[in-house]
């Protein structure tokens, strides 16, 4: 069977809008035209894709199944188009890297060092964004790379995907806190009753079940603020394990070595980007930097 891109786009749009009229507006076509395109597709696949109700158009069981394949096919076509376009496009002189707020500044600094060595004339913009904002930004090409937690990611995407590994997080507290003076076996019960400082990005990405250890917690948007609050003995927080490369953390905070959290709470990290030729060499440099950092903080 031969399907046209027009047919697949019409099918996906009607499915998502649940309306022939709304789909027609989005596709900039007449409603009758969209209806005919869907009817032709149904004839080709020999199944009914939608139940045409009075108010909304509902997919049939067959439509539900085929939607995901149609969506992926459209994303692949878009990726093909971008790759083909990039073959005649020169190197990038400016890139934007977006990252979840829990990504340590040491990792970002290492990325900048590697890019400076490999692309000395390149300008970099670093932005803190949520996972969904990063996905949307890469798709509309306002963001070139995203460093994200992928604990709860959606598989349907035209993004290029590289798993970087697991970043272990462990509790840190002020050196002046009561937690810092407790025996290892007494730390965990105290963590559960002490104020925890939690990064908003963990909450936004539905990680509360694995990240929240105490019912007493504050939520902050910036990693630097979380570290400052802990330094002022306003609570404890989770930071990348063995974070000795940060002089400020080493001077003011201490890693809490309790048996239950000794191996850290692992957060899977991935690098997202579009599949375009100018991106590929830059991606290698970023991956090398992040992998170096993750290897640095892995538990010994």
Foldseek 3Di string as FASTA:
>chain_A
DDDDLVLLLLLLLLAVVQDLCVSCVVVVHDSVVSVVSPVVVCVVVVHRQWDDDPPGIHGDPVNVVCNLVSLLVNLVVVLVVQAVVQVPPDAAQEAEEEEAQQPDPVLVVLLVVLCCVVPVRHHYHYHYDAPVVQQVCQVVVVHFKYKYFVPPDDPRHQKDKDWLFWFFKAKKAWCPDPLVPDDQAPNLVVLQDWEEEAEVNCVVRPNCVLADRYPHYDYDHHPVVNLVCRLVVRTMYIHGAPPVVDPVCVVTMDTRCHPVQNQGDITTIMMIGRPYDSVVVSVVSSSVSNNVVRVNRGDD
